Amino acid sequence: MKLNRTELLPDRPGVPPMAELPPAENIEPAALAEAWRKGDIDLICVLGPTASGKTRYAVGLAHALDALLPGHRAEILSADSRQVYRGMDIGTGKDLAEYGDVPYHLIDIAPAGSRYNIYQYQQDFEQAYRAVCARGGVPILCGGSGLYIEAATCGYRMPQVEPDYALRAALEAEEHDALRARVLALRPDTPEGVLQSKKRTIRALEVALFEEENPAVRTAALPKKTFYIGTLVSREDRVARIDRRLDERIEEGLVEEVCGLLAGGIPAEDLVYYGLEYKYVTQHVLGLLSLEEMKVMLGNAIHQFAKRQMTWFRGMERDGIRIHWVQV
């Protein structure tokens, strides 16, 4: 059964409407190539909400830069918080064939079931970024995880946050919903799975509060002159793309992928932690949701996620980051 698109429109109750889209620009690859050659930029970042064509655009840009910069191959570094996990392919939309002959990094670097974090990502990004630059390559960061993008491009080394047991005790007195709201106010792009339990929500707030009060140390190892490109898609196209992509992923074996992960020994609660596809499909596999209930609830959750992503990116702009939006 196909999804009923009217059930998934972002303006239905419980799903926030999309804000007005920013104006689109025309980005000339030749100008980017010249800016990189002159040292005016040291990283190109292609960002955007889910289903906005980020990977396709980044791959096309990489090919264009390869032609313009002989001897300097463009390479893509992923900024996706779930594509780091091996074996979680359909649900995270890796679509590795889309990269073709373009080298890519920071995908399939952690075992499914583990809790990869933003601190680890910054370390792994730094290593991959330095390796690309050492080869004379043109690094292109591509993804929709706002926290990961900022960890890579903010130029500040993120601290490891030690547990603050006094703070945790104080936060335990607050309602879970209030804690969730505080986390999202500080970090709107926080993955849904992080906020599923009160314990995890308290840890997320603990980290967010620490980082607010303790500015990270600037490091020379991360890029300092990022050129940001945002991919735009209309409200109607986004609804259609998300609906179509969800149907395609189910047909490609999304449910079977989750069954395989469970059979491989990954606890159901760990899959639910990852949110979105893995949360709702796991609930379906466990018999808690019918197939149609799973589709509708997951579709709504993806629309909400896309809204939060755009909120994060517009917040980056309010903080002074210039994002060049393109229509794809």
C-alpha atoms as a PDB file:
ATOM      1  CA  MET A   1       0.000   0.000   0.000  1.00  0.00           C
ATOM      2  CA  LYS A   2       1.314   3.414  -0.941  1.00  0.00           C
ATOM      3  CA  LEU A   3       1.503   6.236   1.551  1.00  0.00           C
ATOM      4  CA  ASN A   4      -1.368   8.661   1.585  1.00  0.00           C
ATOM      5  CA  ARG A   5       0.417  11.946   0.989  1.00  0.00           C
ATOM      6  CA  THR A   6      -2.324  13.961   2.669  1.00  0.00           C
ATOM      7  CA  GLU A   7      -1.549  12.100   5.868  1.00  0.00           C
ATOM      8  CA  LEU A   8       2.013  13.403   5.777  1.00  0.00           C
ATOM      9  CA  LEU A   9       1.689  17.050   4.859  1.00  0.00           C
ATOM     10  CA  PRO A  10       3.804  19.207   7.193  1.00  0.00           C
ATOM     11  CA  ASP A  11       0.895  21.501   8.014  1.00  0.00           C
ATOM     12  CA  ARG A  12      -1.283  18.781   9.528  1.00  0.00           C
ATOM     13  CA  PRO A  13      -1.674  18.794  13.342  1.00  0.00           C
ATOM     14  CA  GLY A  14       1.509  17.826  15.100  1.00  0.00           C
ATOM     15  CA  VAL A  15       3.767  18.526  12.121  1.00  0.00           C
ATOM     16  CA  PRO A  16       5.162  22.083  11.948  1.00  0.00           C
ATOM     17  CA  PRO A  17       4.777  23.928   8.638  1.00  0.00           C
ATOM     18  CA  MET A  18       7.834  24.694   6.557  1.00  0.00           C
ATOM     19  CA  ALA A  19       9.155  28.219   6.777  1.00  0.00           C
ATOM     20  CA  GLU A  20       9.517  30.344   3.672  1.00  0.00           C
ATOM     21  CA  LEU A  21      12.428  29.157   1.571  1.00  0.00           C
ATOM     22  CA  PRO A  22      15.477  31.411   1.228  1.00  0.00           C
ATOM     23  CA  PRO A  23      16.213  32.832  -2.247  1.00  0.00           C
ATOM     24  CA  ALA A  24      18.171  30.595  -4.611  1.00  0.00           C
ATOM     25  CA  GLU A  25      21.521  31.544  -6.134  1.00  0.00           C
ATOM     26  CA  ASN A  26      23.577  30.306  -9.064  1.00  0.00           C
ATOM     27  CA  ILE A  27      26.914  28.826  -7.968  1.00  0.00           C
ATOM     28  CA  GLU A  28      29.613  28.688 -10.623  1.00  0.00           C
ATOM     29  CA  PRO A  29      32.037  25.769 -10.119  1.00  0.00           C
ATOM     30  CA  ALA A  30      34.747  27.772 -11.903  1.00  0.00           C
ATOM     31  CA  ALA A  31      34.526  30.496  -9.249  1.00  0.00           C
ATOM     32  CA  LEU A  32      34.769  27.901  -6.495  1.00  0.00           C
ATOM     33  CA  ALA A  33      37.763  26.292  -8.165  1.00  0.00           C
ATOM     34  CA  GLU A  34      39.537  29.632  -8.429  1.00  0.00           C
ATOM     35  CA  ALA A  35      38.758  30.512  -4.798  1.00  0.00           C
ATOM     36  CA  TRP A  36      40.150  27.168  -3.648  1.00  0.00           C
ATOM     37  CA  ARG A  37      43.242  27.567  -5.830  1.00  0.00           C
ATOM     38  CA  LYS A  38      43.912  31.006  -4.325  1.00  0.00           C
ATOM     39  CA  GLY A  39      43.367  29.748  -0.760  1.00  0.00           C
ATOM     40  CA  ASP A  40      40.266  31.862  -0.198  1.00  0.00           C
ATOM     41  CA  ILE A  41      38.338  28.727   0.836  1.00  0.00           C
ATOM     42  CA  ASP A  42      39.648  25.545   2.444  1.00  0.00           C
ATOM     43  CA  LEU A  43      36.430  23.514   2.497  1.00  0.00           C
ATOM     44  CA  ILE A  44      33.179  23.378   0.546  1.00  0.00           C
ATOM     45  CA  CYS A  45      30.173  22.322   2.618  1.00  0.00           C
ATOM     46  CA  VAL A  46      26.997  21.082   0.916  1.00  0.00           C
ATOM     47  CA  LEU A  47      24.204  21.007   3.486  1.00  0.00           C
ATOM     48  CA  GLY A  48      20.454  20.713   3.455  1.00  0.00           C
ATOM     49  CA  PRO A  49      17.460  18.900   4.937  1.00  0.00           C
ATOM     50  CA  THR A  50      16.639  15.306   4.168  1.00  0.00           C
ATOM     51  CA  ALA A  51      15.497  14.528   0.606  1.00  0.00           C
ATOM     52  CA  SER A  52      16.892  17.789  -0.768  1.00  0.00           C
ATOM     53  CA  GLY A  53      19.421  16.241  -3.173  1.00  0.00           C
ATOM     54  CA  LYS A  54      22.610  16.999  -1.211  1.00  0.00           C
ATOM     55  CA  THR A  55      24.612  13.962  -2.286  1.00  0.00           C
ATOM     56  CA  ARG A  56      23.662  14.274  -5.945  1.00  0.00           C
ATOM     57  CA  TYR A  57      24.648  17.936  -5.935  1.00  0.00           C
ATOM     58  CA  ALA A  58      27.940  17.266  -4.115  1.00  0.00           C
ATOM     59  CA  VAL A  59      28.871  14.483  -6.556  1.00  0.00           C
ATOM     60  CA  GLY A  60      28.098  16.704  -9.543  1.00  0.00           C
ATOM     61  CA  LEU A  61      30.169  19.502  -8.028  1.00  0.00           C
ATOM     62  CA  ALA A  62      33.059  17.099  -7.384  1.00  0.00           C
ATOM     63  CA  HIS A  63      33.085  16.074 -11.046  1.00  0.00           C
ATOM     64  CA  ALA A  64      33.008  19.721 -12.150  1.00  0.00           C
ATOM     65  CA  LEU A  65      35.925  20.614  -9.869  1.00  0.00           C
ATOM     66  CA  ASP A  66      37.920  17.607 -11.095  1.00  0.00           C
ATOM     67  CA  ALA A  67      37.655  18.966 -14.630  1.00  0.00           C
ATOM     68  CA  LEU A  68      38.591  22.490 -13.545  1.00  0.00           C
ATOM     69  CA  LEU A  69      41.486  21.504 -11.265  1.00  0.00           C
ATOM     70  CA  PRO A  70      43.617  18.871 -13.020  1.00  0.00           C
ATOM     71  CA  GLY A  71      45.670  16.921 -10.525  1.00  0.00           C
ATOM     72  CA  HIS A  72      43.483  17.935  -7.574  1.00  0.00           C
ATOM     73  CA  ARG A  73      40.702  15.418  -7.095  1.00  0.00           C
ATOM     74  CA  ALA A  74      37.598  16.370  -5.123  1.00  0.00           C
ATOM     75  CA  GLU A  75      36.675  14.033  -2.246  1.00  0.00           C
ATOM     76  CA  ILE A  76      33.495  13.950  -0.171  1.00  0.00           C
ATOM     77  CA  LEU A  77      33.442  13.781   3.628  1.00  0.00           C
ATOM     78  CA  SER A  78      30.086  12.762   5.078  1.00  0.00           C
ATOM     79  CA  ALA A  79      28.351  14.776   7.799  1.00  0.00           C
ATOM     80  CA  ASP A  80      25.601  12.277   8.569  1.00  0.00           C
ATOM     81  CA  SER A  81      25.209  11.101  12.157  1.00  0.00           C
ATOM     82  CA  ARG A  82      23.775   7.699  11.210  1.00  0.00           C
ATOM     83  CA  GLN A  83      25.644   6.771   8.045  1.00  0.00           C
ATOM     84  CA  VAL A  84      28.713   6.191  10.211  1.00  0.00           C
ATOM     85  CA  TYR A  85      27.235   2.814  11.238  1.00  0.00           C
ATOM     86  CA  ARG A  86      28.053  -0.349   9.312  1.00  0.00           C
ATOM     87  CA  GLY A  87      25.090  -2.502   8.298  1.00  0.00           C
ATOM     88  CA  MET A  88      22.594   0.342   8.614  1.00  0.00           C
ATOM     89  CA  ASP A  89      22.374   1.035   4.902  1.00  0.00           C
ATOM     90  CA  ILE A  90      18.785   1.280   3.669  1.00  0.00           C
ATOM     91  CA  GLY A  91      17.429   3.108   6.700  1.00  0.00           C
ATOM     92  CA  THR A  92      20.164   5.744   6.576  1.00  0.00           C
ATOM     93  CA  GLY A  93      19.923   6.162   2.804  1.00  0.00           C
ATOM     94  CA  LYS A  94      23.606   5.641   2.088  1.00  0.00           C
ATOM     95  CA  ASP A  95      23.023   5.154  -1.646  1.00  0.00           C
ATOM     96  CA  LEU A  96      26.739   4.498  -2.103  1.00  0.00           C
ATOM     97  CA  ALA A  97      26.319   3.891  -5.835  1.00  0.00           C
ATOM     98  CA  GLU A  98      25.444   7.579  -6.181  1.00  0.00           C
ATOM     99  CA  TYR A  99      29.055   8.527  -5.430  1.00  0.00           C
ATOM    100  CA  GLY A 100      30.318   6.693  -8.502  1.00  0.00           C
ATOM    101  CA  ASP A 101      34.065   7.232  -8.779  1.00  0.00           C
ATOM    102  CA  VAL A 102      34.128  10.113  -6.283  1.00  0.00           C
ATOM    103  CA  PRO A 103      36.058   9.111  -3.125  1.00  0.00           C
ATOM    104  CA  TYR A 104      34.023   9.370   0.071  1.00  0.00           C
ATOM    105  CA  HIS A 105      34.887   9.207   3.764  1.00  0.00           C
ATOM    106  CA  LEU A 106      33.300   8.915   7.254  1.00  0.00           C
ATOM    107  CA  ILE A 107      30.725   6.328   6.196  1.00  0.00           C
ATOM    108  CA  ASP A 108      30.700   2.806   7.706  1.00  0.00           C
ATOM    109  CA  ILE A 109      33.272   3.656  10.366  1.00  0.00           C
ATOM    110  CA  ALA A 110      31.438   2.428  13.493  1.00  0.00           C
ATOM    111  CA  PRO A 111      29.656  -0.856  14.323  1.00  0.00           C
ATOM    112  CA  ALA A 112      25.868  -0.864  14.427  1.00  0.00           C
ATOM    113  CA  GLY A 113      24.682  -0.865  18.015  1.00  0.00           C
ATOM    114  CA  SER A 114      27.481   1.409  19.221  1.00  0.00           C
ATOM    115  CA  ARG A 115      27.011   4.999  20.441  1.00  0.00           C
ATOM    116  CA  TYR A 116      29.219   7.065  18.167  1.00  0.00           C
ATOM    117  CA  ASN A 117      29.334  10.668  19.356  1.00  0.00           C
ATOM    118  CA  ILE A 118      30.094  14.163  18.174  1.00  0.00           C
ATOM    119  CA  TYR A 119      33.513  14.209  19.838  1.00  0.00           C
ATOM    120  CA  GLN A 120      34.555  11.066  17.955  1.00  0.00           C
ATOM    121  CA  TYR A 121      33.217  12.553  14.734  1.00  0.00           C
ATOM    122  CA  GLN A 122      35.290  15.693  15.070  1.00  0.00           C
ATOM    123  CA  GLN A 123      38.417  13.607  15.577  1.00  0.00           C
ATOM    124  CA  ASP A 124      37.619  11.365  12.609  1.00  0.00           C
ATOM    125  CA  PHE A 125      36.739  14.344  10.434  1.00  0.00           C
ATOM    126  CA  GLU A 126      39.998  16.077  11.292  1.00  0.00           C
ATOM    127  CA  GLN A 127      41.992  12.992  10.335  1.00  0.00           C
ATOM    128  CA  ALA A 128      40.133  12.524   7.039  1.00  0.00           C
ATOM    129  CA  TYR A 129      40.247  16.238   6.203  1.00  0.00           C
ATOM    130  CA  ARG A 130      43.983  16.472   6.771  1.00  0.00           C
ATOM    131  CA  ALA A 131      44.553  13.373   4.625  1.00  0.00           C
ATOM    132  CA  VAL A 132      42.534  14.820   1.729  1.00  0.00           C
ATOM    133  CA  CYS A 133      44.432  18.100   1.932  1.00  0.00           C
ATOM    134  CA  ALA A 134      47.780  16.277   2.114  1.00  0.00           C
ATOM    135  CA  ARG A 135      46.905  14.562  -1.180  1.00  0.00           C
ATOM    136  CA  GLY A 136      46.156  17.917  -2.758  1.00  0.00           C
ATOM    137  CA  GLY A 137      42.478  17.046  -2.898  1.00  0.00           C
ATOM    138  CA  VAL A 138      39.510  19.375  -2.715  1.00  0.00           C
ATOM    139  CA  PRO A 139      37.459  18.476   0.405  1.00  0.00           C
ATOM    140  CA  ILE A 140      33.670  18.653   0.130  1.00  0.00           C
ATOM    141  CA  LEU A 141      31.695  18.134   3.341  1.00  0.00           C
ATOM    142  CA  CYS A 142      28.193  16.845   2.615  1.00  0.00           C
ATOM    143  CA  GLY A 143      25.351  16.120   4.996  1.00  0.00           C
ATOM    144  CA  GLY A 144      22.395  17.262   7.011  1.00  0.00           C
ATOM    145  CA  SER A 145      23.497  16.755  10.614  1.00  0.00           C
ATOM    146  CA  GLY A 146      23.894  20.295  11.912  1.00  0.00           C
ATOM    147  CA  LEU A 147      25.928  19.291  14.948  1.00  0.00           C
ATOM    148  CA  TYR A 148      28.388  17.359  12.800  1.00  0.00           C
ATOM    149  CA  ILE A 149      28.685  20.215  10.309  1.00  0.00           C
ATOM    150  CA  GLU A 150      29.443  22.688  13.076  1.00  0.00           C
ATOM    151  CA  ALA A 151      31.933  20.296  14.680  1.00  0.00           C
ATOM    152  CA  ALA A 152      33.771  20.140  11.357  1.00  0.00           C
ATOM    153  CA  THR A 153      33.596  23.784  10.340  1.00  0.00           C
ATOM    154  CA  CYS A 154      33.489  25.849  13.531  1.00  0.00           C
ATOM    155  CA  GLY A 155      37.288  25.697  13.918  1.00  0.00           C
ATOM    156  CA  TYR A 156      37.015  24.815  17.611  1.00  0.00           C
ATOM    157  CA  ARG A 157      38.077  21.586  19.246  1.00  0.00           C
ATOM    158  CA  MET A 158      35.174  20.112  21.185  1.00  0.00           C
ATOM    159  CA  PRO A 159      35.894  19.020  24.754  1.00  0.00           C
ATOM    160  CA  GLN A 160      35.018  15.650  26.194  1.00  0.00           C
ATOM    161  CA  VAL A 161      32.369  16.403  28.796  1.00  0.00           C
ATOM    162  CA  GLU A 162      32.811  14.613  32.110  1.00  0.00           C
ATOM    163  CA  PRO A 163      29.702  13.630  34.102  1.00  0.00           C
ATOM    164  CA  ASP A 164      28.352  16.322  36.440  1.00  0.00           C
ATOM    165  CA  TYR A 165      26.496  14.269  39.058  1.00  0.00           C
ATOM    166  CA  ALA A 166      25.247  17.292  41.004  1.00  0.00           C
ATOM    167  CA  LEU A 167      23.701  18.727  37.851  1.00  0.00           C
ATOM    168  CA  ARG A 168      22.180  15.375  36.969  1.00  0.00           C
ATOM    169  CA  ALA A 169      20.570  15.145  40.389  1.00  0.00           C
ATOM    170  CA  ALA A 170      19.049  18.610  39.954  1.00  0.00           C
ATOM    171  CA  LEU A 171      17.781  17.806  36.455  1.00  0.00           C
ATOM    172  CA  GLU A 172      16.148  14.588  37.683  1.00  0.00           C
ATOM    173  CA  ALA A 173      13.602  16.766  39.476  1.00  0.00           C
ATOM    174  CA  GLU A 174      12.377  18.236  36.172  1.00  0.00           C
ATOM    175  CA  GLU A 175       9.763  16.670  33.908  1.00  0.00           C
ATOM    176  CA  HIS A 176      11.070  14.793  30.869  1.00  0.00           C
ATOM    177  CA  ASP A 177       9.163  17.025  28.437  1.00  0.00           C
ATOM    178  CA  ALA A 178      10.680  20.137  29.996  1.00  0.00           C
ATOM    179  CA  LEU A 179      14.154  18.638  29.704  1.00  0.00           C
ATOM    180  CA  ARG A 180      13.542  17.752  26.053  1.00  0.00           C
ATOM    181  CA  ALA A 181      12.458  21.326  25.361  1.00  0.00           C
ATOM    182  CA  ARG A 182      15.618  22.699  26.989  1.00  0.00           C
ATOM    183  CA  VAL A 183      17.839  20.426  24.905  1.00  0.00           C
ATOM    184  CA  LEU A 184      16.089  21.358  21.658  1.00  0.00           C
ATOM    185  CA  ALA A 185      16.303  25.057  22.534  1.00  0.00           C
ATOM    186  CA  LEU A 186      20.093  24.730  22.766  1.00  0.00           C
ATOM    187  CA  ARG A 187      20.589  22.062  20.090  1.00  0.00           C
ATOM    188  CA  PRO A 188      17.597  21.922  17.674  1.00  0.00           C
ATOM    189  CA  ASP A 189      19.295  19.227  15.565  1.00  0.00           C
ATOM    190  CA  THR A 190      19.523  16.723  18.443  1.00  0.00           C
ATOM    191  CA  PRO A 191      18.556  13.287  17.044  1.00  0.00           C
ATOM    192  CA  GLU A 192      15.163  12.020  18.132  1.00  0.00           C
ATOM    193  CA  GLY A 193      16.610   8.863  19.645  1.00  0.00           C
ATOM    194  CA  VAL A 194      18.779  10.830  22.067  1.00  0.00           C
ATOM    195  CA  LEU A 195      15.658  12.239  23.706  1.00  0.00           C
ATOM    196  CA  GLN A 196      13.697   9.001  24.043  1.00  0.00           C
ATOM    197  CA  SER A 197      14.627   8.354  27.669  1.00  0.00           C
ATOM    198  CA  LYS A 198      14.982  10.793  30.530  1.00  0.00           C
ATOM    199  CA  LYS A 199      18.489   9.526  31.297  1.00  0.00           C
ATOM    200  CA  ARG A 200      19.733  10.210  27.776  1.00  0.00           C
ATOM    201  CA  THR A 201      17.960  13.569  27.673  1.00  0.00           C
ATOM    202  CA  ILE A 202      19.703  14.634  30.891  1.00  0.00           C
ATOM    203  CA  ARG A 203      23.083  13.666  29.432  1.00  0.00           C
ATOM    204  CA  ALA A 204      22.339  15.623  26.248  1.00  0.00           C
ATOM    205  CA  LEU A 205      21.415  18.684  28.316  1.00  0.00           C
ATOM    206  CA  GLU A 206      24.509  18.220  30.485  1.00  0.00           C
ATOM    207  CA  VAL A 207      26.732  18.331  27.381  1.00  0.00           C
ATOM    208  CA  ALA A 208      24.855  21.264  25.833  1.00  0.00           C
ATOM    209  CA  LEU A 209      25.064  23.347  29.012  1.00  0.00           C
ATOM    210  CA  PHE A 210      28.766  22.596  29.420  1.00  0.00           C
ATOM    211  CA  GLU A 211      29.506  23.699  25.865  1.00  0.00           C
ATOM    212  CA  GLU A 212      27.490  26.879  26.334  1.00  0.00           C
ATOM    213  CA  GLU A 213      29.553  27.814  29.400  1.00  0.00           C
ATOM    214  CA  ASN A 214      32.929  26.545  28.188  1.00  0.00           C
ATOM    215  CA  PRO A 215      33.826  27.807  24.711  1.00  0.00           C
ATOM    216  CA  ALA A 216      36.026  25.294  22.928  1.00  0.00           C
ATOM    217  CA  VAL A 217      39.674  25.981  22.096  1.00  0.00           C
ATOM    218  CA  ARG A 218      40.415  27.123  18.565  1.00  0.00           C
ATOM    219  CA  THR A 219      42.536  24.649  16.601  1.00  0.00           C
ATOM    220  CA  ALA A 220      44.595  25.030  13.453  1.00  0.00           C
ATOM    221  CA  ALA A 221      43.738  21.500  12.299  1.00  0.00           C
ATOM    222  CA  LEU A 222      40.144  22.247  11.216  1.00  0.00           C
ATOM    223  CA  PRO A 223      39.047  24.321   8.204  1.00  0.00           C
ATOM    224  CA  LYS A 224      38.675  28.054   8.769  1.00  0.00           C
ATOM    225  CA  LYS A 225      37.338  29.278   5.414  1.00  0.00           C
ATOM    226  CA  THR A 226      34.318  27.159   4.577  1.00  0.00           C
ATOM    227  CA  PHE A 227      32.089  27.970   1.618  1.00  0.00           C
ATOM    228  CA  TYR A 228      28.571  26.797   2.501  1.00  0.00           C
ATOM    229  CA  ILE A 229      26.081  25.671  -0.147  1.00  0.00           C
ATOM    230  CA  GLY A 230      22.523  24.780   0.879  1.00  0.00           C
ATOM    231  CA  THR A 231      20.223  22.631  -1.264  1.00  0.00           C
ATOM    232  CA  LEU A 232      16.655  23.867  -1.638  1.00  0.00           C
ATOM    233  CA  VAL A 233      13.569  21.861  -2.474  1.00  0.00           C
ATOM    234  CA  SER A 234       9.993  23.118  -2.522  1.00  0.00           C
ATOM    235  CA  ARG A 235       7.455  22.011   0.067  1.00  0.00           C
ATOM    236  CA  GLU A 236       5.506  19.996  -2.487  1.00  0.00           C
ATOM    237  CA  ASP A 237       8.605  18.310  -3.900  1.00  0.00           C
ATOM    238  CA  ARG A 238       9.851  17.463  -0.442  1.00  0.00           C
ATOM    239  CA  VAL A 239       6.579  15.791   0.531  1.00  0.00           C
ATOM    240  CA  ALA A 240       6.630  13.779  -2.691  1.00  0.00           C
ATOM    241  CA  ARG A 241      10.291  12.832  -2.343  1.00  0.00           C
ATOM    242  CA  ILE A 242       9.956  11.695   1.256  1.00  0.00           C
ATOM    243  CA  ASP A 243       6.810   9.688   0.452  1.00  0.00           C
ATOM    244  CA  ARG A 244       8.438   8.073  -2.579  1.00  0.00           C
ATOM    245  CA  ARG A 245      11.728   7.402  -0.853  1.00  0.00           C
ATOM    246  CA  LEU A 246      10.037   5.743   2.122  1.00  0.00           C
ATOM    247  CA  ASP A 247       8.085   3.434  -0.166  1.00  0.00           C
ATOM    248  CA  GLU A 248      11.259   2.622  -2.084  1.00  0.00           C
ATOM    249  CA  ARG A 249      13.206   1.821   1.078  1.00  0.00           C
ATOM    250  CA  ILE A 250      10.506  -0.530   2.293  1.00  0.00           C
ATOM    251  CA  GLU A 251      10.490  -2.252  -1.109  1.00  0.00           C
ATOM    252  CA  GLU A 252      14.305  -2.465  -1.041  1.00  0.00           C
ATOM    253  CA  GLY A 253      14.209  -4.373   2.240  1.00  0.00           C
ATOM    254  CA  LEU A 254      14.164  -1.858   5.107  1.00  0.00           C
ATOM    255  CA  VAL A 255      12.109  -4.167   7.325  1.00  0.00           C
ATOM    256  CA  GLU A 256      14.402  -7.083   6.488  1.00  0.00           C
ATOM    257  CA  GLU A 257      17.442  -4.936   7.305  1.00  0.00           C
ATOM    258  CA  VAL A 258      16.069  -4.217  10.771  1.00  0.00           C
ATOM    259  CA  CYS A 259      15.223  -7.896  11.268  1.00  0.00           C
ATOM    260  CA  GLY A 260      18.804  -8.767  10.350  1.00  0.00           C
ATOM    261  CA  LEU A 261      20.218  -6.273  12.826  1.00  0.00           C
ATOM    262  CA  LEU A 262      18.016  -7.687  15.585  1.00  0.00           C
ATOM    263  CA  ALA A 263      18.976 -11.233  14.646  1.00  0.00           C
ATOM    264  CA  GLY A 264      22.628 -10.171  14.740  1.00  0.00           C
ATOM    265  CA  GLY A 265      22.314  -9.422  18.435  1.00  0.00           C
ATOM    266  CA  ILE A 266      21.624  -5.686  18.488  1.00  0.00           C
ATOM    267  CA  PRO A 267      19.015  -5.024  21.209  1.00  0.00           C
ATOM    268  CA  ALA A 268      15.752  -3.445  20.086  1.00  0.00           C
ATOM    269  CA  GLU A 269      16.253  -0.501  22.438  1.00  0.00           C
ATOM    270  CA  ASP A 270      19.555   0.278  20.722  1.00  0.00           C
ATOM    271  CA  LEU A 271      17.880   0.415  17.309  1.00  0.00           C
ATOM    272  CA  VAL A 272      15.097   2.601  18.724  1.00  0.00           C
ATOM    273  CA  TYR A 273      17.848   4.924  20.020  1.00  0.00           C
ATOM    274  CA  TYR A 274      18.819   5.765  16.430  1.00  0.00           C
ATOM    275  CA  GLY A 275      15.345   7.171  15.764  1.00  0.00           C
ATOM    276  CA  LEU A 276      13.357   7.594  12.548  1.00  0.00           C
ATOM    277  CA  GLU A 277      13.449   4.470  10.347  1.00  0.00           C
ATOM    278  CA  TYR A 278      15.060   2.283  12.992  1.00  0.00           C
ATOM    279  CA  LYS A 279      12.708   3.361  15.759  1.00  0.00           C
ATOM    280  CA  TYR A 280       9.446   2.852  13.899  1.00  0.00           C
ATOM    281  CA  VAL A 281      10.439  -0.198  11.869  1.00  0.00           C
ATOM    282  CA  THR A 282      11.701  -1.886  15.039  1.00  0.00           C
ATOM    283  CA  GLN A 283       8.350  -1.178  16.689  1.00  0.00           C
ATOM    284  CA  HIS A 284       6.644  -2.694  13.625  1.00  0.00           C
ATOM    285  CA  VAL A 285       8.851  -5.798  13.733  1.00  0.00           C
ATOM    286  CA  LEU A 286       8.064  -6.213  17.443  1.00  0.00           C
ATOM    287  CA  GLY A 287       4.337  -6.098  16.650  1.00  0.00           C
ATOM    288  CA  LEU A 288       3.736  -2.740  18.309  1.00  0.00           C
ATOM    289  CA  LEU A 289       2.753  -0.999  15.047  1.00  0.00           C
ATOM    290  CA  SER A 290       1.012  -2.237  11.933  1.00  0.00           C
ATOM    291  CA  LEU A 291       2.716  -1.623   8.603  1.00  0.00           C
ATOM    292  CA  GLU A 292       0.400   1.266   7.777  1.00  0.00           C
ATOM    293  CA  GLU A 293       0.735   2.801  11.258  1.00  0.00           C
ATOM    294  CA  MET A 294       4.493   2.540  10.922  1.00  0.00           C
ATOM    295  CA  LYS A 295       4.433   4.274   7.522  1.00  0.00           C
ATOM    296  CA  VAL A 296       2.291   7.182   8.671  1.00  0.00           C
ATOM    297  CA  MET A 297       4.138   7.741  11.944  1.00  0.00           C
ATOM    298  CA  LEU A 298       7.541   7.433  10.302  1.00  0.00           C
ATOM    299  CA  GLY A 299       6.560   9.767   7.478  1.00  0.00           C
ATOM    300  CA  ASN A 300       5.426  12.391   9.976  1.00  0.00           C
ATOM    301  CA  ALA A 301       8.645  11.985  11.957  1.00  0.00           C
ATOM    302  CA  ILE A 302      10.764  12.489   8.828  1.00  0.00           C
ATOM    303  CA  HIS A 303       8.874  15.690   8.005  1.00  0.00           C
ATOM    304  CA  GLN A 304       9.427  16.949  11.554  1.00  0.00           C
ATOM    305  CA  PHE A 305      13.105  16.078  11.260  1.00  0.00           C
ATOM    306  CA  ALA A 306      13.424  18.009   7.985  1.00  0.00           C
ATOM    307  CA  LYS A 307      11.833  21.019   9.670  1.00  0.00           C
ATOM    308  CA  ARG A 308      14.337  20.843  12.544  1.00  0.00           C
ATOM    309  CA  GLN A 309      17.205  20.617  10.089  1.00  0.00           C
ATOM    310  CA  MET A 310      16.105  23.798   8.301  1.00  0.00           C
ATOM    311  CA  THR A 311      15.647  25.509  11.675  1.00  0.00           C
ATOM    312  CA  TRP A 312      19.248  24.651  12.508  1.00  0.00           C
ATOM    313  CA  PHE A 313      20.601  25.927   9.179  1.00  0.00           C
ATOM    314  CA  ARG A 314      18.654  29.182   9.376  1.00  0.00           C
ATOM    315  CA  GLY A 315      20.040  29.545  12.901  1.00  0.00           C
ATOM    316  CA  MET A 316      23.548  29.234  11.473  1.00  0.00           C
ATOM    317  CA  GLU A 317      22.695  32.137   9.187  1.00  0.00           C
ATOM    318  CA  ARG A 318      21.431  34.209  12.109  1.00  0.00           C
ATOM    319  CA  ASP A 319      24.760  33.525  13.790  1.00  0.00           C
ATOM    320  CA  GLY A 320      26.563  35.091  10.839  1.00  0.00           C
ATOM    321  CA  ILE A 321      27.311  32.122   8.568  1.00  0.00           C
ATOM    322  CA  ARG A 322      26.672  32.830   4.891  1.00  0.00           C
ATOM    323  CA  ILE A 323      24.886  29.932   3.190  1.00  0.00           C
ATOM    324  CA  HIS A 324      24.546  30.097  -0.598  1.00  0.00           C
ATOM    325  CA  TRP A 325      21.250  28.338  -1.364  1.00  0.00           C
ATOM    326  CA  VAL A 326      20.786  26.558  -4.700  1.00  0.00           C
ATOM    327  CA  GLN A 327      17.701  25.028  -6.293  1.00  0.00           C
ATOM    328  CA  VAL A 328      18.153  21.332  -7.071  1.00  0.00           C
END
